[in-house]
Amino acid sequence: MTPAVRVPEELSARVPVEQRGPGLDRDAVRMLVSRGAEVAHHTFRELPRLLRAGDLLVVNTSATLAAAVDGWVGHARVVVHFSTRGDDGRWAVELRESDGRGTTRARAGGPAGTEVCLPGGGGLVLEEPLSGRLWWARVTGPSVPVLLREHGRPIRYSYTERDQPLSVYQTVFALPSADGAGSAEMPSAARPFTARVVAELVSRGVRFAPVTLHTGVASTEVHEPPYPERFAVPEASARLINAAKAGGGRVVAVGTTAVRAVESAVGAEGPVRARAGIDGLVRAPAGWTDLVVTPERGVRVVDGLLTGLHEPEASHLLMLEAVAGRVAIERGYQAALQGRYLWHEFGDVHLLLP
């Protein structure tokens, strides 16, 4: 399903909301609320009033990496987007070209054997294609976490106005990983949460279940289905989710990454490549998921979803339709366009409730 809409360029959020005027915080973004075909307009600060005691928010704790690094192929400058670390030590990467405006544009991938020089004396060699413009690459020299820490910057696309510090791309739920793993791009649905909103939610009896899914790059030019990503659902979170379902509470995922993690944990056993089972109970797996949530597959745990506004071609919209139904998504996106909501990671959000 793809809503027949075109998103005007001026509806791209070019800077974070807190930089748009004095006294604004992250929770000042607007929030469209869909309940079936009904649509209502709110601000994110009203979220605690729209949920109820017994509801459970599933949040992604993956920290955002400074995943863009300058490099050189011969004398040509490139920008390497580090996406996902494989079990064999290789990294999935995308090579892009500078567009002369501080951002990047797509670059033809490959061929195998392409060598890229990196800062600090390191380098990488493209070995085999993974998906779209992503390649598996062998990295030499300093470890990638050290490379990103010393020479990286957040991935930024052309619809944004300027570079931002990494802190702008971290959510209130982000936890650093001991092995340096993280998300190539921010799990942005959680960006509007502030300590104030979290405290009010807790005071109203809403609980939180942390999960982890390290998301890879999502180049804006091509909307491919998601490829395998590393995830983990802690035992304590699995118990919270199962208890909420049993007690009649609503399980609301914060972001499509949280949906993918939780739905991958239904019926999963142990640290294996998880596929959703059919018993409806959430286990506590850790490993890789290649699950793609579609309307045909449906959802087995998630009742609602808080998410950003996605491009009409994005594969994420299939997941939204699986959660809320086609009518809700079509009506919601029409209302978002008419209401001049802002798109992308610094933009407004969409709450889908049953």
Protein backbone atom coordinates (compact mmCIF):
# COMPACT_ATOMS: atom_id res chain seq x y z
CA MET A 1 0.00 0.00 0.00
CA THR A 2 1.26 3.46 -0.90
CA PRO A 3 -0.88 6.50 -0.19
CA ALA A 4 -1.34 8.53 -3.37
CA VAL A 5 0.29 11.63 -1.94
CA ARG A 6 3.26 13.83 -2.71
CA VAL A 7 5.08 15.42 0.19
CA PRO A 8 6.06 19.02 -0.65
CA GLU A 9 9.70 19.86 0.00
CA GLU A 10 8.72 22.62 2.42
CA LEU A 11 7.20 20.03 4.76
CA SER A 12 10.61 18.52 5.49
CA ALA A 13 11.74 19.36 9.03
CA ARG A 14 15.05 21.09 8.44
CA VAL A 15 16.12 21.59 12.07
CA PRO A 16 15.06 20.07 15.42
CA VAL A 17 11.99 21.62 16.99
CA GLU A 18 13.96 23.02 19.94
CA GLN A 19 15.93 25.18 17.48
CA ARG A 20 12.84 26.73 15.89
CA GLY A 21 12.05 29.21 18.63
CA PRO A 22 12.74 30.22 22.24
CA GLY A 23 11.39 28.02 25.04
CA LEU A 24 10.75 24.99 22.84
CA ASP A 25 11.77 21.49 23.89
CA ARG A 26 11.71 18.19 22.00
CA ASP A 27 8.15 17.50 23.17
CA ALA A 28 6.81 20.57 21.33
CA VAL A 29 6.30 18.67 18.07
CA ARG A 30 2.78 18.09 16.81
CA MET A 31 1.14 14.69 17.04
CA LEU A 32 -1.51 13.34 14.72
CA VAL A 33 -3.66 10.70 16.42
CA SER A 34 -5.49 8.04 14.40
CA ARG A 35 -8.11 5.69 15.79
CA GLY A 36 -9.35 3.79 12.77
CA ALA A 37 -10.78 6.34 10.35
CA GLU A 38 -10.94 9.07 13.04
CA VAL A 39 -8.15 11.64 13.12
CA ALA A 40 -7.37 14.21 15.82
CA HIS A 41 -4.66 16.84 16.21
CA HIS A 42 -2.55 17.14 19.37
CA THR A 43 0.92 18.08 20.58
CA PHE A 44 3.27 15.41 21.84
CA ARG A 45 3.04 16.79 25.39
CA GLU A 46 -0.54 15.51 25.45
CA LEU A 47 0.56 11.87 25.06
CA PRO A 48 0.08 11.01 28.78
CA ARG A 49 -3.60 11.99 28.52
CA LEU A 50 -4.12 9.77 25.48
CA LEU A 51 -2.84 6.62 27.14
CA ARG A 52 -4.20 4.90 30.23
CA ALA A 53 -2.99 2.96 33.24
CA GLY A 54 -1.96 -0.53 32.19
CA ASP A 55 -0.72 0.53 28.76
CA LEU A 56 2.86 -0.38 27.89
CA LEU A 57 5.27 1.55 25.70
CA VAL A 58 7.98 -0.52 24.01
CA VAL A 59 11.07 1.65 23.47
CA ASN A 60 14.31 1.07 21.58
CA THR A 61 17.45 1.72 23.64
CA SER A 62 19.87 1.64 20.70
CA ALA A 63 22.21 4.64 20.70
CA THR A 64 22.87 6.53 17.47
CA LEU A 65 26.38 6.28 16.05
CA ALA A 66 28.42 8.99 14.34
CA ALA A 67 28.26 6.69 11.33
CA ALA A 68 29.39 8.97 8.47
CA VAL A 69 33.15 9.09 7.78
CA ASP A 70 35.07 10.80 4.97
CA GLY A 71 37.22 8.57 2.79
CA TRP A 72 38.97 8.39 -0.56
CA VAL A 73 38.78 6.02 -3.51
CA GLY A 74 42.01 6.91 -5.29
CA HIS A 75 41.87 10.70 -5.53
CA ALA A 76 38.08 10.86 -5.36
CA ARG A 77 36.50 11.84 -2.08
CA VAL A 78 33.66 9.65 -0.81
CA VAL A 79 31.60 9.48 2.37
CA VAL A 80 31.25 6.07 4.00
CA HIS A 81 28.04 5.34 5.87
CA PHE A 82 28.72 2.50 8.32
CA SER A 83 25.50 0.53 8.74
CA THR A 84 25.70 -2.84 10.46
CA ARG A 85 28.47 -5.03 11.88
CA GLY A 86 28.28 -8.68 10.86
CA ASP A 87 29.14 -11.68 13.02
CA ASP A 88 32.28 -12.25 10.94
CA GLY A 89 33.66 -8.78 11.75
CA ARG A 90 32.77 -7.22 8.42
CA TRP A 91 30.62 -4.11 8.17
CA ALA A 92 27.75 -3.31 5.84
CA VAL A 93 28.58 0.06 4.32
CA GLU A 94 27.26 2.45 1.71
CA LEU A 95 29.62 4.68 -0.29
CA ARG A 96 28.21 8.10 -1.16
CA GLU A 97 29.50 11.26 -2.82
CA SER A 98 29.66 14.74 -1.34
CA ASP A 99 27.10 17.06 -2.95
CA GLY A 100 29.07 20.20 -2.10
CA ARG A 101 26.41 21.39 0.37
CA GLY A 102 27.55 19.45 3.42
CA THR A 103 25.40 16.42 2.61
CA THR A 104 25.72 13.52 0.19
CA ARG A 105 24.14 11.98 -2.87
CA ALA A 106 23.89 8.43 -4.14
CA ARG A 107 26.95 6.86 -5.75
CA ALA A 108 27.18 3.76 -7.88
CA GLY A 109 28.15 0.86 -5.64
CA GLY A 110 31.13 -1.46 -6.05
CA PRO A 111 32.75 -3.10 -7.77
CA ALA A 112 34.07 -5.84 -5.52
CA GLY A 113 37.64 -5.12 -4.58
CA THR A 114 37.17 -1.34 -4.36
CA GLU A 115 39.57 0.03 -1.75
CA VAL A 116 38.69 3.03 0.41
CA CYS A 117 41.28 4.94 2.45
CA LEU A 118 39.99 6.11 5.83
CA PRO A 119 41.25 8.66 8.37
CA GLY A 120 43.71 7.50 11.01
CA GLY A 121 45.52 5.12 8.68
CA GLY A 122 42.63 2.72 8.23
CA GLY A 123 40.89 1.43 5.15
CA LEU A 124 38.25 -0.92 3.85
CA VAL A 125 37.73 -3.21 0.88
CA LEU A 126 34.30 -3.90 -0.62
CA GLU A 127 33.83 -7.68 -0.79
CA GLU A 128 30.27 -8.52 -1.83
CA PRO A 129 26.91 -6.74 -2.25
CA LEU A 130 24.35 -7.01 0.55
CA SER A 131 21.23 -5.10 -0.50
CA GLY A 132 20.65 -2.15 -2.79
CA ARG A 133 23.75 0.04 -2.51
CA LEU A 134 25.01 -1.69 0.65
CA TRP A 135 28.16 -3.80 0.52
CA TRP A 136 29.91 -6.05 2.99
CA ALA A 137 33.36 -4.59 3.59
CA ARG A 138 36.46 -5.75 5.43
CA VAL A 139 37.86 -2.92 7.58
CA THR A 140 41.53 -2.60 8.53
CA GLY A 141 43.30 -0.30 10.95
CA PRO A 142 41.59 1.18 14.02
CA SER A 143 38.39 -0.54 15.16
CA VAL A 144 35.23 0.92 13.67
CA PRO A 145 33.92 2.18 17.07
CA VAL A 146 37.21 4.06 17.55
CA LEU A 147 37.08 5.35 13.95
CA LEU A 148 33.53 6.64 14.40
CA ARG A 149 34.29 8.19 17.76
CA GLU A 150 37.33 10.07 16.44
CA HIS A 151 36.37 10.86 12.84
CA GLY A 152 32.64 10.22 12.43
CA ARG A 153 29.63 12.50 12.34
CA PRO A 154 25.90 11.73 12.27
CA ILE A 155 24.45 10.71 8.92
CA ARG A 156 22.67 13.70 7.45
CA TYR A 157 20.49 14.01 4.36
CA SER A 158 19.92 16.98 2.08
CA TYR A 159 16.55 18.01 3.51
CA THR A 160 18.25 19.13 6.75
CA GLU A 161 19.70 22.61 7.08
CA ARG A 162 23.06 22.01 8.77
CA ASP A 163 25.22 19.57 10.68
CA GLN A 164 24.10 18.85 14.23
CA PRO A 165 26.02 17.42 17.20
CA LEU A 166 25.54 13.72 17.91
CA SER A 167 23.56 14.56 21.06
CA VAL A 168 20.74 15.91 18.87
CA TYR A 169 20.37 12.40 17.43
CA GLN A 170 20.21 10.55 20.76
CA THR A 171 16.86 9.74 22.33
CA VAL A 172 16.18 9.88 26.06
CA PHE A 173 16.15 6.06 26.05
CA ALA A 174 19.55 5.58 24.33
CA LEU A 175 22.05 3.41 26.18
CA PRO A 176 25.68 3.04 25.02
CA SER A 177 26.61 -0.52 24.10
CA ALA A 178 29.66 -2.13 25.66
CA ASP A 179 30.87 -3.33 22.25
CA GLY A 180 30.30 -0.01 20.51
CA ALA A 181 27.29 -1.24 18.52
CA GLY A 182 24.44 1.12 17.80
CA SER A 183 22.16 2.51 15.12
CA ALA A 184 23.45 4.08 11.94
CA GLU A 185 20.41 6.36 11.99
CA MET A 186 18.41 7.56 14.98
CA PRO A 187 15.37 5.55 16.13
CA SER A 188 13.61 8.86 15.70
CA ALA A 189 10.06 8.07 16.87
CA ALA A 190 11.34 8.37 20.45
CA ARG A 191 13.02 11.71 19.91
CA PRO A 192 10.11 13.83 21.28
CA PHE A 193 10.23 12.10 24.69
CA THR A 194 11.58 14.28 27.49
CA ALA A 195 12.12 13.50 31.15
CA ARG A 196 8.96 15.50 31.90
CA VAL A 197 6.79 13.41 29.56
CA VAL A 198 8.29 10.13 30.82
CA ALA A 199 7.66 11.11 34.45
CA GLU A 200 4.03 12.03 33.74
CA LEU A 201 3.45 8.77 31.88
CA VAL A 202 4.83 6.76 34.80
CA SER A 203 2.72 8.76 37.26
CA ARG A 204 -0.39 7.81 35.24
CA GLY A 205 0.39 4.10 35.36
CA VAL A 206 1.94 3.68 31.90
CA ARG A 207 4.92 1.33 31.90
CA PHE A 208 7.98 1.02 29.66
CA ALA A 209 9.54 -2.12 28.16
CA PRO A 210 13.04 -1.52 26.71
CA VAL A 211 14.21 -3.52 23.70
CA THR A 212 17.19 -3.05 21.41
CA LEU A 213 17.32 -3.04 17.62
CA HIS A 214 20.35 -1.52 15.91
CA THR A 215 18.95 0.02 12.77
CA GLY A 216 20.99 0.38 9.60
CA VAL A 217 21.05 3.09 6.98
CA ALA A 218 17.87 4.00 5.15
CA SER A 219 18.99 6.04 2.14
CA THR A 220 16.22 8.36 1.10
CA GLU A 221 16.63 7.79 -2.65
CA VAL A 222 15.67 4.11 -2.61
CA HIS A 223 13.13 2.49 -0.29
CA GLU A 224 14.17 -1.14 -0.07
CA PRO A 225 12.67 -3.63 2.38
CA PRO A 226 14.64 -3.76 5.61
CA TYR A 227 17.56 -6.16 5.66
CA PRO A 228 18.58 -8.28 8.71
CA GLU A 229 19.33 -6.28 11.83
CA ARG A 230 20.70 -7.17 15.26
CA PHE A 231 18.19 -7.08 18.11
CA ALA A 232 17.53 -8.22 21.67
CA VAL A 233 14.45 -8.43 23.87
CA PRO A 234 15.36 -8.69 27.58
CA GLU A 235 13.61 -11.28 29.72
CA ALA A 236 12.14 -8.56 31.95
CA SER A 237 10.65 -6.77 28.94
CA ALA A 238 9.19 -10.01 27.59
CA ARG A 239 7.45 -10.54 30.94
CA LEU A 240 6.12 -6.97 30.96
CA ILE A 241 4.71 -7.33 27.44
CA ASN A 242 3.05 -10.67 28.16
CA ALA A 243 1.60 -9.33 31.42
CA ALA A 244 0.19 -6.24 29.69
CA LYS A 245 -1.47 -8.40 27.04
CA ALA A 246 -2.91 -10.72 29.66
CA GLY A 247 -4.21 -7.81 31.73
CA GLY A 248 -5.96 -6.00 28.91
CA GLY A 249 -3.39 -3.23 28.50
CA ARG A 250 -2.39 -1.93 25.11
CA VAL A 251 1.13 -2.58 23.84
CA VAL A 252 2.22 0.53 21.95
CA ALA A 253 5.52 0.36 20.09
CA VAL A 254 7.60 3.52 19.88
CA GLY A 255 8.90 3.35 16.34
CA THR A 256 8.99 0.75 13.60
CA THR A 257 12.23 -0.62 15.07
CA ALA A 258 10.40 -1.54 18.27
CA VAL A 259 7.68 -3.26 16.23
CA ARG A 260 10.25 -5.34 14.37
CA ALA A 261 12.03 -6.35 17.57
CA VAL A 262 8.89 -7.36 19.48
CA GLU A 263 7.20 -9.13 16.59
CA SER A 264 10.45 -11.04 15.98
CA ALA A 265 10.34 -12.27 19.58
CA VAL A 266 6.92 -13.91 19.39
CA GLY A 267 7.58 -17.61 19.83
CA ALA A 268 11.35 -17.15 19.35
CA GLU A 269 13.67 -19.36 21.37
CA GLY A 270 17.24 -18.51 22.31
CA PRO A 271 19.95 -16.54 20.49
CA VAL A 272 18.93 -17.58 17.00
CA ARG A 273 17.84 -15.90 13.83
CA ALA A 274 14.35 -15.06 15.01
CA ARG A 275 11.14 -15.61 13.13
CA ALA A 276 7.75 -14.93 14.62
CA GLY A 277 5.97 -17.94 16.04
CA ILE A 278 2.28 -18.54 16.48
CA ASP A 279 1.73 -18.94 20.22
CA GLY A 280 1.41 -15.21 20.88
CA LEU A 281 3.90 -15.15 23.78
CA VAL A 282 6.97 -12.97 23.65
CA ARG A 283 10.26 -14.71 24.47
CA ALA A 284 13.66 -13.11 25.08
CA PRO A 285 15.80 -13.76 22.00
CA ALA A 286 19.01 -12.00 21.00
CA GLY A 287 20.52 -12.23 17.54
CA TRP A 288 19.43 -11.28 14.05
CA THR A 289 15.98 -10.72 12.65
CA ASP A 290 15.03 -10.76 8.99
CA LEU A 291 11.33 -10.34 9.73
CA VAL A 292 9.45 -7.96 7.45
CA VAL A 293 6.08 -6.96 8.90
CA THR A 294 3.47 -6.64 6.17
CA PRO A 295 -0.34 -6.47 6.13
CA GLU A 296 -0.39 -10.09 4.98
CA ARG A 297 1.72 -11.22 7.93
CA GLY A 298 0.01 -8.85 10.38
CA VAL A 299 1.07 -8.18 13.96
CA ARG A 300 0.66 -10.56 16.89
CA VAL A 301 1.69 -8.42 19.86
CA VAL A 302 1.63 -4.73 19.00
CA ASP A 303 -1.71 -2.93 19.45
CA GLY A 304 -0.60 0.61 18.63
CA LEU A 305 2.34 2.53 17.22
CA LEU A 306 3.97 5.92 17.69
CA THR A 307 5.96 6.75 14.57
CA GLY A 308 7.22 9.54 12.39
CA LEU A 309 5.79 10.49 9.03
CA HIS A 310 7.29 8.35 6.26
CA GLU A 311 7.76 9.03 2.58
CA PRO A 312 4.93 7.55 0.45
CA GLU A 313 7.36 5.05 -1.11
CA ALA A 314 8.82 3.86 2.18
CA SER A 315 8.50 0.17 3.03
CA HIS A 316 7.70 1.24 6.61
CA LEU A 317 4.17 2.08 5.47
CA LEU A 318 3.43 -1.61 5.03
CA MET A 319 4.21 -2.08 8.72
CA LEU A 320 1.94 0.82 9.64
CA GLU A 321 -0.86 -0.73 7.62
CA ALA A 322 -0.28 -4.06 9.39
CA VAL A 323 -0.78 -2.32 12.74
CA ALA A 324 -3.64 0.08 11.98
CA GLY A 325 -5.19 -0.87 8.65
CA ARG A 326 -5.15 0.82 5.27
CA VAL A 327 -7.97 3.28 5.93
CA ALA A 328 -6.27 4.67 9.04
CA ILE A 329 -3.01 5.26 7.19
CA GLU A 330 -4.64 6.87 4.16
CA ARG A 331 -6.85 9.16 6.27
CA GLY A 332 -3.95 10.01 8.57
CA TYR A 333 -1.60 10.97 5.77
CA GLN A 334 -4.24 13.09 4.07
CA ALA A 335 -4.79 14.91 7.38
CA ALA A 336 -1.04 15.34 7.89
CA LEU A 337 -0.67 16.98 4.49
CA GLN A 338 -3.69 19.21 4.98
CA GLY A 339 -2.47 20.18 8.45
CA ARG A 340 1.04 20.97 7.21
CA TYR A 341 2.74 18.45 9.50
CA LEU A 342 6.50 18.13 9.18
CA TRP A 343 8.26 14.99 7.88
CA HIS A 344 11.50 13.14 8.67
CA GLU A 345 13.52 12.61 11.85
CA PHE A 346 13.12 16.14 13.21
CA GLY A 347 9.46 16.32 12.25
CA ASP A 348 6.07 15.62 13.81
CA VAL A 349 4.75 12.22 14.87
CA HIS A 350 1.77 9.97 14.28
CA LEU A 351 0.11 7.96 17.05
CA LEU A 352 -1.91 4.96 15.86
CA LEU A 353 -4.26 3.58 18.49
CA PRO A 354 -6.80 0.73 18.30
